[in-house]
Amino acid sequence: MLGVTDTPTILLLHGVQASQLTWWRLKQDLQDLGWKVHTVDLLGHGSRNAAGPGDLTVEGLARDVLSQGPGPVNVLAGHSLGSVVGLTVASLEPDYCDRVVVEDPPAISRTPMEHDIVGNMEETIRATRADPAGTFQALLQENPVWSYQDAVNSLQNRLNLDVERVVRFLRSAWWDVEDLVERCPVPVSLLAATQGSTLVEPARSALMSRLPAEHVALIDSGHTIHRERPGLWLHHVLRFAEAA
């Protein structure tokens, strides 16, 4: 629970194929509400597309976030892969944050990953780099609830992605979302999308039943809740941050 005189702080972690640019709208809203907002790029993305040697791992991504120094914070909120990294950050450094928000975290199996989190990513990035202008127009047409800035940022994120390294990581990575939440040393809140969610069954129902009902929100949205329903994202995150 935030104190009356506290200046609340939050760290926002993006998902696959994104960067800290994805938080542009909510970063401004939170700052207007008196929050100190930190954003970083995960390894392989944005400004850190070539940072660090070797292959990516979840723990490596988490330790890189810690090395960038934007903490400790009151709330750590992550989208998709960023939520998995955020839970790992909290487990590695139990005093790093007071609460964790996971936005549509991906549930995957132990088998090599040939699923939606990888999909046709390599083909998509090749097409984007071959025709950025056409890709931009397609992004606007295919995502009518996005703003112009969302499309600009999405295009830039695709152009900056270290696609070979990220795909190699995703095809070999594995995590158990339920276990990550169970081991998290601080309270966790779940924002789950109703359309195109990567939090698939049976992990979806199991995770929802594991958390207190007041810490779970089903949002009528696609996978990027923070971009498609920013008002609801802000409402639920602030309510969780201020709860006793």
C-alpha atoms as a PDB file:
ATOM      1  CA  MET A   1       0.000   0.000   0.000  1.00  0.00           C
ATOM      2  CA  LEU A   2       1.380   3.392  -0.949  1.00  0.00           C
ATOM      3  CA  GLY A   3       1.837   5.928   1.796  1.00  0.00           C
ATOM      4  CA  VAL A   4       0.164   9.331   1.624  1.00  0.00           C
ATOM      5  CA  THR A   5       3.453  11.191   1.260  1.00  0.00           C
ATOM      6  CA  ASP A   6       5.164   8.656  -0.996  1.00  0.00           C
ATOM      7  CA  THR A   7       6.239   9.488  -4.522  1.00  0.00           C
ATOM      8  CA  PRO A   8       5.191   6.209  -6.160  1.00  0.00           C
ATOM      9  CA  THR A   9       7.561   4.554  -8.597  1.00  0.00           C
ATOM     10  CA  ILE A  10       6.900   2.002 -11.316  1.00  0.00           C
ATOM     11  CA  LEU A  11       9.034   0.010 -13.751  1.00  0.00           C
ATOM     12  CA  LEU A  12       7.399  -1.029 -17.038  1.00  0.00           C
ATOM     13  CA  LEU A  13       8.763  -4.000 -19.009  1.00  0.00           C
ATOM     14  CA  HIS A  14       7.709  -4.617 -22.614  1.00  0.00           C
ATOM     15  CA  GLY A  15       7.050  -7.867 -24.467  1.00  0.00           C
ATOM     16  CA  VAL A  16       8.489  -9.634 -27.512  1.00  0.00           C
ATOM     17  CA  GLN A  17       9.025  -7.506 -30.645  1.00  0.00           C
ATOM     18  CA  ALA A  18       8.398  -4.359 -28.616  1.00  0.00           C
ATOM     19  CA  SER A  19      10.531  -1.869 -26.694  1.00  0.00           C
ATOM     20  CA  GLN A  20      10.085   0.762 -24.017  1.00  0.00           C
ATOM     21  CA  LEU A  21       8.358   2.858 -26.703  1.00  0.00           C
ATOM     22  CA  THR A  22       5.223   0.761 -26.210  1.00  0.00           C
ATOM     23  CA  TRP A  23       4.579   2.558 -22.891  1.00  0.00           C
ATOM     24  CA  TRP A  24       4.511   6.095 -24.329  1.00  0.00           C
ATOM     25  CA  ARG A  25       0.872   6.828 -23.481  1.00  0.00           C
ATOM     26  CA  LEU A  26       0.760   5.228 -20.017  1.00  0.00           C
ATOM     27  CA  LYS A  27       4.132   6.698 -19.102  1.00  0.00           C
ATOM     28  CA  GLN A  28       2.729  10.186 -19.644  1.00  0.00           C
ATOM     29  CA  ASP A  29      -0.520   9.375 -17.806  1.00  0.00           C
ATOM     30  CA  LEU A  30       1.320   7.959 -14.803  1.00  0.00           C
ATOM     31  CA  GLN A  31       3.684  10.930 -14.683  1.00  0.00           C
ATOM     32  CA  ASP A  32       0.704  13.294 -14.799  1.00  0.00           C
ATOM     33  CA  LEU A  33      -0.691  11.423 -11.789  1.00  0.00           C
ATOM     34  CA  GLY A  34       2.517  11.967  -9.826  1.00  0.00           C
ATOM     35  CA  TRP A  35       4.343   8.711 -10.490  1.00  0.00           C
ATOM     36  CA  LYS A  36       8.030   8.359 -11.258  1.00  0.00           C
ATOM     37  CA  VAL A  37       8.123   6.041 -14.270  1.00  0.00           C
ATOM     38  CA  HIS A  38      11.043   3.880 -15.387  1.00  0.00           C
ATOM     39  CA  THR A  39      11.181   2.018 -18.706  1.00  0.00           C
ATOM     40  CA  VAL A  40      13.972  -0.119 -20.154  1.00  0.00           C
ATOM     41  CA  ASP A  41      14.622  -2.150 -23.290  1.00  0.00           C
ATOM     42  CA  LEU A  42      15.055  -5.900 -22.875  1.00  0.00           C
ATOM     43  CA  LEU A  43      18.111  -7.497 -24.456  1.00  0.00           C
ATOM     44  CA  GLY A  44      17.593  -8.091 -28.169  1.00  0.00           C
ATOM     45  CA  HIS A  45      15.079  -5.241 -28.422  1.00  0.00           C
ATOM     46  CA  GLY A  46      15.144  -1.495 -29.005  1.00  0.00           C
ATOM     47  CA  SER A  47      18.379   0.163 -27.926  1.00  0.00           C
ATOM     48  CA  ARG A  48      19.734  -3.152 -26.625  1.00  0.00           C
ATOM     49  CA  ASN A  49      19.348  -5.218 -29.774  1.00  0.00           C
ATOM     50  CA  ALA A  50      23.057  -6.027 -29.855  1.00  0.00           C
ATOM     51  CA  ALA A  51      23.896  -5.688 -26.163  1.00  0.00           C
ATOM     52  CA  GLY A  52      25.673  -8.437 -24.277  1.00  0.00           C
ATOM     53  CA  PRO A  53      27.344 -11.642 -25.488  1.00  0.00           C
ATOM     54  CA  GLY A  54      25.808 -15.079 -25.923  1.00  0.00           C
ATOM     55  CA  ASP A  55      22.283 -16.391 -26.139  1.00  0.00           C
ATOM     56  CA  LEU A  56      19.361 -14.930 -24.241  1.00  0.00           C
ATOM     57  CA  THR A  57      17.823 -16.552 -21.171  1.00  0.00           C
ATOM     58  CA  VAL A  58      14.999 -15.428 -18.901  1.00  0.00           C
ATOM     59  CA  GLU A  59      17.385 -15.008 -15.979  1.00  0.00           C
ATOM     60  CA  GLY A  60      19.837 -13.163 -18.214  1.00  0.00           C
ATOM     61  CA  LEU A  61      17.095 -10.770 -19.287  1.00  0.00           C
ATOM     62  CA  ALA A  62      16.136 -10.215 -15.640  1.00  0.00           C
ATOM     63  CA  ARG A  63      19.706  -9.583 -14.532  1.00  0.00           C
ATOM     64  CA  ASP A  64      20.158  -7.133 -17.392  1.00  0.00           C
ATOM     65  CA  VAL A  65      17.088  -5.217 -16.190  1.00  0.00           C
ATOM     66  CA  LEU A  66      18.633  -5.067 -12.723  1.00  0.00           C
ATOM     67  CA  SER A  67      21.942  -3.892 -14.201  1.00  0.00           C
ATOM     68  CA  GLN A  68      20.203  -0.935 -15.837  1.00  0.00           C
ATOM     69  CA  GLY A  69      19.455   0.318 -12.337  1.00  0.00           C
ATOM     70  CA  PRO A  70      15.871   1.653 -12.431  1.00  0.00           C
ATOM     71  CA  GLY A  71      14.945   0.518  -8.921  1.00  0.00           C
ATOM     72  CA  PRO A  72      13.873  -0.280  -6.310  1.00  0.00           C
ATOM     73  CA  VAL A  73      10.265   0.506  -7.234  1.00  0.00           C
ATOM     74  CA  ASN A  74       6.814   0.244  -5.718  1.00  0.00           C
ATOM     75  CA  VAL A  75       5.328  -1.564  -8.719  1.00  0.00           C
ATOM     76  CA  LEU A  76       6.916  -3.647 -11.443  1.00  0.00           C
ATOM     77  CA  ALA A  77       4.532  -4.156 -14.387  1.00  0.00           C
ATOM     78  CA  GLY A  78       5.336  -6.321 -17.379  1.00  0.00           C
ATOM     79  CA  HIS A  79       3.575  -7.227 -20.583  1.00  0.00           C
ATOM     80  CA  SER A  80       3.855 -10.734 -22.049  1.00  0.00           C
ATOM     81  CA  LEU A  81       7.554 -11.736 -21.912  1.00  0.00           C
ATOM     82  CA  GLY A  82       8.114  -8.647 -19.768  1.00  0.00           C
ATOM     83  CA  SER A  83       5.828 -10.127 -17.119  1.00  0.00           C
ATOM     84  CA  VAL A  84       7.896 -13.315 -17.017  1.00  0.00           C
ATOM     85  CA  VAL A  85      11.053 -11.241 -16.721  1.00  0.00           C
ATOM     86  CA  GLY A  86       9.419  -9.085 -14.033  1.00  0.00           C
ATOM     87  CA  LEU A  87       8.496 -12.104 -11.905  1.00  0.00           C
ATOM     88  CA  THR A  88      12.068 -13.345 -12.274  1.00  0.00           C
ATOM     89  CA  VAL A  89      13.459  -9.948 -11.225  1.00  0.00           C
ATOM     90  CA  ALA A  90      11.305 -10.071  -8.083  1.00  0.00           C
ATOM     91  CA  SER A  91      12.518 -13.583  -7.254  1.00  0.00           C
ATOM     92  CA  LEU A  92      16.174 -12.675  -7.791  1.00  0.00           C
ATOM     93  CA  GLU A  93      15.903  -9.483  -5.706  1.00  0.00           C
ATOM     94  CA  PRO A  94      13.043  -9.836  -3.167  1.00  0.00           C
ATOM     95  CA  ASP A  95      13.408  -6.225  -1.998  1.00  0.00           C
ATOM     96  CA  TYR A  96      13.358  -4.782  -5.512  1.00  0.00           C
ATOM     97  CA  CYS A  97       9.615  -4.097  -5.709  1.00  0.00           C
ATOM     98  CA  ASP A  98       6.525  -4.144  -3.513  1.00  0.00           C
ATOM     99  CA  ARG A  99       4.119  -5.555  -6.106  1.00  0.00           C
ATOM    100  CA  VAL A 100       4.172  -7.152  -9.543  1.00  0.00           C
ATOM    101  CA  VAL A 101       1.577  -6.755 -12.312  1.00  0.00           C
ATOM    102  CA  VAL A 102       1.574  -9.377 -15.077  1.00  0.00           C
ATOM    103  CA  GLU A 103      -0.234  -8.418 -18.273  1.00  0.00           C
ATOM    104  CA  ASP A 104      -1.271 -11.448 -20.348  1.00  0.00           C
ATOM    105  CA  PRO A 105       1.814 -13.549 -19.514  1.00  0.00           C
ATOM    106  CA  PRO A 106       2.562 -16.307 -22.049  1.00  0.00           C
ATOM    107  CA  ALA A 107       2.054 -19.882 -20.876  1.00  0.00           C
ATOM    108  CA  ILE A 108       4.245 -22.363 -22.718  1.00  0.00           C
ATOM    109  CA  SER A 109       5.116 -26.048 -22.588  1.00  0.00           C
ATOM    110  CA  ARG A 110       8.413 -27.769 -21.977  1.00  0.00           C
ATOM    111  CA  THR A 111       8.658 -28.815 -25.611  1.00  0.00           C
ATOM    112  CA  PRO A 112      10.636 -26.709 -28.112  1.00  0.00           C
ATOM    113  CA  MET A 113       8.561 -23.693 -28.940  1.00  0.00           C
ATOM    114  CA  GLU A 114       6.771 -23.791 -32.275  1.00  0.00           C
ATOM    115  CA  HIS A 115       3.810 -21.730 -31.161  1.00  0.00           C
ATOM    116  CA  ASP A 116       2.237 -18.304 -31.386  1.00  0.00           C
ATOM    117  CA  ILE A 117       4.923 -16.456 -29.419  1.00  0.00           C
ATOM    118  CA  VAL A 118       7.308 -17.227 -32.293  1.00  0.00           C
ATOM    119  CA  GLY A 119       4.860 -17.746 -35.147  1.00  0.00           C
ATOM    120  CA  ASN A 120       6.112 -16.206 -38.388  1.00  0.00           C
ATOM    121  CA  MET A 121       8.269 -13.602 -36.650  1.00  0.00           C
ATOM    122  CA  GLU A 122      11.240 -13.989 -38.979  1.00  0.00           C
ATOM    123  CA  GLU A 123       9.049 -13.602 -42.068  1.00  0.00           C
ATOM    124  CA  THR A 124       7.289 -10.599 -40.529  1.00  0.00           C
ATOM    125  CA  ILE A 125      10.563  -8.825 -39.798  1.00  0.00           C
ATOM    126  CA  ARG A 126      11.906  -9.528 -43.297  1.00  0.00           C
ATOM    127  CA  ALA A 127       8.741  -8.110 -44.850  1.00  0.00           C
ATOM    128  CA  THR A 128       8.906  -5.047 -42.605  1.00  0.00           C
ATOM    129  CA  ARG A 129      12.476  -4.284 -43.546  1.00  0.00           C
ATOM    130  CA  ALA A 130      11.727  -4.778 -47.238  1.00  0.00           C
ATOM    131  CA  ASP A 131       8.738  -2.428 -47.195  1.00  0.00           C
ATOM    132  CA  PRO A 132       8.548  -0.193 -44.096  1.00  0.00           C
ATOM    133  CA  ALA A 133       5.967   2.161 -45.599  1.00  0.00           C
ATOM    134  CA  GLY A 134       3.660  -0.677 -46.613  1.00  0.00           C
ATOM    135  CA  THR A 135       4.048  -2.309 -43.218  1.00  0.00           C
ATOM    136  CA  PHE A 136       3.135   0.935 -41.498  1.00  0.00           C
ATOM    137  CA  GLN A 137      -0.093   1.246 -43.479  1.00  0.00           C
ATOM    138  CA  ALA A 138      -0.916  -2.396 -42.773  1.00  0.00           C
ATOM    139  CA  LEU A 139      -0.394  -1.862 -39.047  1.00  0.00           C
ATOM    140  CA  LEU A 140      -2.903   0.991 -39.062  1.00  0.00           C
ATOM    141  CA  GLN A 141      -5.448  -0.987 -41.083  1.00  0.00           C
ATOM    142  CA  GLU A 142      -5.109  -4.215 -39.093  1.00  0.00           C
ATOM    143  CA  ASN A 143      -5.245  -2.506 -35.698  1.00  0.00           C
ATOM    144  CA  PRO A 144      -8.066   0.057 -35.810  1.00  0.00           C
ATOM    145  CA  VAL A 145      -7.910   0.771 -32.059  1.00  0.00           C
ATOM    146  CA  TRP A 146      -4.244   1.728 -32.229  1.00  0.00           C
ATOM    147  CA  SER A 147      -3.187   5.344 -32.397  1.00  0.00           C
ATOM    148  CA  TYR A 148      -0.893   6.668 -35.120  1.00  0.00           C
ATOM    149  CA  GLN A 149       1.941   6.704 -32.562  1.00  0.00           C
ATOM    150  CA  ASP A 150       1.374   3.043 -31.695  1.00  0.00           C
ATOM    151  CA  ALA A 151       1.902   2.141 -35.364  1.00  0.00           C
ATOM    152  CA  VAL A 152       5.026   4.306 -35.571  1.00  0.00           C
ATOM    153  CA  ASN A 153       6.465   2.638 -32.480  1.00  0.00           C
ATOM    154  CA  SER A 154       5.567  -0.872 -33.622  1.00  0.00           C
ATOM    155  CA  LEU A 155       7.305  -0.305 -36.940  1.00  0.00           C
ATOM    156  CA  GLN A 156      10.421   1.046 -35.215  1.00  0.00           C
ATOM    157  CA  ASN A 157      10.459  -1.894 -32.800  1.00  0.00           C
ATOM    158  CA  ARG A 158      10.370  -4.391 -35.662  1.00  0.00           C
ATOM    159  CA  LEU A 159      13.177  -2.608 -37.474  1.00  0.00           C
ATOM    160  CA  ASN A 160      15.360  -2.650 -34.339  1.00  0.00           C
ATOM    161  CA  LEU A 161      14.701  -6.255 -33.266  1.00  0.00           C
ATOM    162  CA  ASP A 162      17.637  -8.680 -33.093  1.00  0.00           C
ATOM    163  CA  VAL A 163      15.351 -11.236 -34.692  1.00  0.00           C
ATOM    164  CA  GLU A 164      17.773 -14.165 -34.987  1.00  0.00           C
ATOM    165  CA  ARG A 165      18.804 -13.956 -31.361  1.00  0.00           C
ATOM    166  CA  VAL A 166      15.256 -13.464 -30.070  1.00  0.00           C
ATOM    167  CA  VAL A 167      13.798 -16.316 -32.148  1.00  0.00           C
ATOM    168  CA  ARG A 168      16.597 -18.643 -31.040  1.00  0.00           C
ATOM    169  CA  PHE A 169      15.782 -17.776 -27.424  1.00  0.00           C
ATOM    170  CA  LEU A 170      12.037 -18.291 -27.861  1.00  0.00           C
ATOM    171  CA  ARG A 171      12.434 -21.649 -29.582  1.00  0.00           C
ATOM    172  CA  SER A 172      14.428 -23.072 -26.678  1.00  0.00           C
ATOM    173  CA  ALA A 173      13.044 -21.199 -23.662  1.00  0.00           C
ATOM    174  CA  TRP A 174      10.609 -22.608 -21.137  1.00  0.00           C
ATOM    175  CA  TRP A 175       8.922 -21.226 -18.040  1.00  0.00           C
ATOM    176  CA  ASP A 176       6.062 -22.116 -15.719  1.00  0.00           C
ATOM    177  CA  VAL A 177       3.941 -19.026 -15.104  1.00  0.00           C
ATOM    178  CA  GLU A 178       2.112 -20.632 -12.173  1.00  0.00           C
ATOM    179  CA  ASP A 179       5.390 -21.496 -10.479  1.00  0.00           C
ATOM    180  CA  LEU A 180       6.831 -18.039 -11.097  1.00  0.00           C
ATOM    181  CA  VAL A 181       3.771 -16.454  -9.473  1.00  0.00           C
ATOM    182  CA  GLU A 182       3.855 -18.945  -6.599  1.00  0.00           C
ATOM    183  CA  ARG A 183       7.518 -18.153  -5.881  1.00  0.00           C
ATOM    184  CA  CYS A 184       7.120 -14.395  -6.236  1.00  0.00           C
ATOM    185  CA  PRO A 185       7.917 -12.840  -2.818  1.00  0.00           C
ATOM    186  CA  VAL A 186       5.424  -9.958  -3.257  1.00  0.00           C
ATOM    187  CA  PRO A 187       1.727  -9.731  -4.212  1.00  0.00           C
ATOM    188  CA  VAL A 188       0.904 -10.326  -7.881  1.00  0.00           C
ATOM    189  CA  SER A 189      -1.972  -8.983  -9.975  1.00  0.00           C
ATOM    190  CA  LEU A 190      -3.031 -10.505 -13.306  1.00  0.00           C
ATOM    191  CA  LEU A 191      -4.487  -8.632 -16.272  1.00  0.00           C
ATOM    192  CA  ALA A 192      -5.694 -11.213 -18.794  1.00  0.00           C
ATOM    193  CA  ALA A 193      -6.888 -10.504 -22.333  1.00  0.00           C
ATOM    194  CA  THR A 194     -10.072 -12.077 -23.701  1.00  0.00           C
ATOM    195  CA  GLN A 195      -8.903 -12.192 -27.339  1.00  0.00           C
ATOM    196  CA  GLY A 196      -5.709 -13.618 -28.765  1.00  0.00           C
ATOM    197  CA  SER A 197      -4.317 -14.228 -25.299  1.00  0.00           C
ATOM    198  CA  THR A 198      -1.028 -16.057 -24.838  1.00  0.00           C
ATOM    199  CA  LEU A 199      -2.152 -17.165 -21.380  1.00  0.00           C
ATOM    200  CA  VAL A 200      -3.669 -20.394 -22.647  1.00  0.00           C
ATOM    201  CA  GLU A 201      -5.394 -23.233 -20.820  1.00  0.00           C
ATOM    202  CA  PRO A 202      -4.857 -24.993 -18.505  1.00  0.00           C
ATOM    203  CA  ALA A 203      -2.413 -22.411 -17.117  1.00  0.00           C
ATOM    204  CA  ARG A 204      -4.995 -19.643 -17.515  1.00  0.00           C
ATOM    205  CA  SER A 205      -7.604 -21.138 -15.183  1.00  0.00           C
ATOM    206  CA  ALA A 206      -4.988 -22.440 -12.772  1.00  0.00           C
ATOM    207  CA  LEU A 207      -3.337 -19.039 -12.427  1.00  0.00           C
ATOM    208  CA  MET A 208      -6.633 -17.196 -12.040  1.00  0.00           C
ATOM    209  CA  SER A 209      -7.724 -19.574  -9.274  1.00  0.00           C
ATOM    210  CA  ARG A 210      -4.383 -19.223  -7.502  1.00  0.00           C
ATOM    211  CA  LEU A 211      -4.624 -15.442  -7.116  1.00  0.00           C
ATOM    212  CA  PRO A 212      -7.100 -13.494  -4.943  1.00  0.00           C
ATOM    213  CA  ALA A 213     -10.153 -12.564  -7.010  1.00  0.00           C
ATOM    214  CA  GLU A 214      -9.552  -8.847  -6.408  1.00  0.00           C
ATOM    215  CA  HIS A 215      -6.102  -9.219  -7.981  1.00  0.00           C
ATOM    216  CA  VAL A 216      -7.436 -10.623 -11.267  1.00  0.00           C
ATOM    217  CA  ALA A 217      -8.955  -8.589 -14.109  1.00  0.00           C
ATOM    218  CA  LEU A 218     -10.282  -9.968 -17.382  1.00  0.00           C
ATOM    219  CA  ILE A 219     -10.048  -7.210 -19.972  1.00  0.00           C
ATOM    220  CA  ASP A 220     -12.046  -7.200 -23.220  1.00  0.00           C
ATOM    221  CA  SER A 221      -8.961  -6.665 -25.351  1.00  0.00           C
ATOM    222  CA  GLY A 222      -6.365  -8.285 -27.500  1.00  0.00           C
ATOM    223  CA  HIS A 223      -2.940  -9.297 -26.204  1.00  0.00           C
ATOM    224  CA  THR A 224      -1.625  -5.731 -25.775  1.00  0.00           C
ATOM    225  CA  ILE A 225      -4.067  -4.513 -23.140  1.00  0.00           C
ATOM    226  CA  HIS A 226      -1.915  -1.478 -22.294  1.00  0.00           C
ATOM    227  CA  ARG A 227      -2.160  -0.310 -25.893  1.00  0.00           C
ATOM    228  CA  GLU A 228      -5.766  -1.288 -26.686  1.00  0.00           C
ATOM    229  CA  ARG A 229      -7.442  -0.476 -23.354  1.00  0.00           C
ATOM    230  CA  PRO A 230      -5.027   1.920 -21.604  1.00  0.00           C
ATOM    231  CA  GLY A 231      -7.728   3.409 -19.376  1.00  0.00           C
ATOM    232  CA  LEU A 232      -8.669   0.013 -17.934  1.00  0.00           C
ATOM    233  CA  TRP A 233      -4.993  -0.931 -17.580  1.00  0.00           C
ATOM    234  CA  LEU A 234      -4.365   2.245 -15.600  1.00  0.00           C
ATOM    235  CA  HIS A 235      -7.476   1.763 -13.444  1.00  0.00           C
ATOM    236  CA  HIS A 236      -6.585  -1.769 -12.400  1.00  0.00           C
ATOM    237  CA  VAL A 237      -2.878  -1.115 -11.850  1.00  0.00           C
ATOM    238  CA  LEU A 238      -3.554   1.947  -9.675  1.00  0.00           C
ATOM    239  CA  ARG A 239      -6.184   0.087  -7.672  1.00  0.00           C
ATOM    240  CA  PHE A 240      -3.757  -2.773  -7.052  1.00  0.00           C
ATOM    241  CA  ALA A 241      -0.931  -0.377  -6.134  1.00  0.00           C
ATOM    242  CA  GLU A 242      -3.092   1.418  -3.584  1.00  0.00           C
ATOM    243  CA  ALA A 243      -4.753  -1.636  -2.032  1.00  0.00           C
ATOM    244  CA  ALA A 244      -4.016  -2.554   1.574  1.00  0.00           C
END
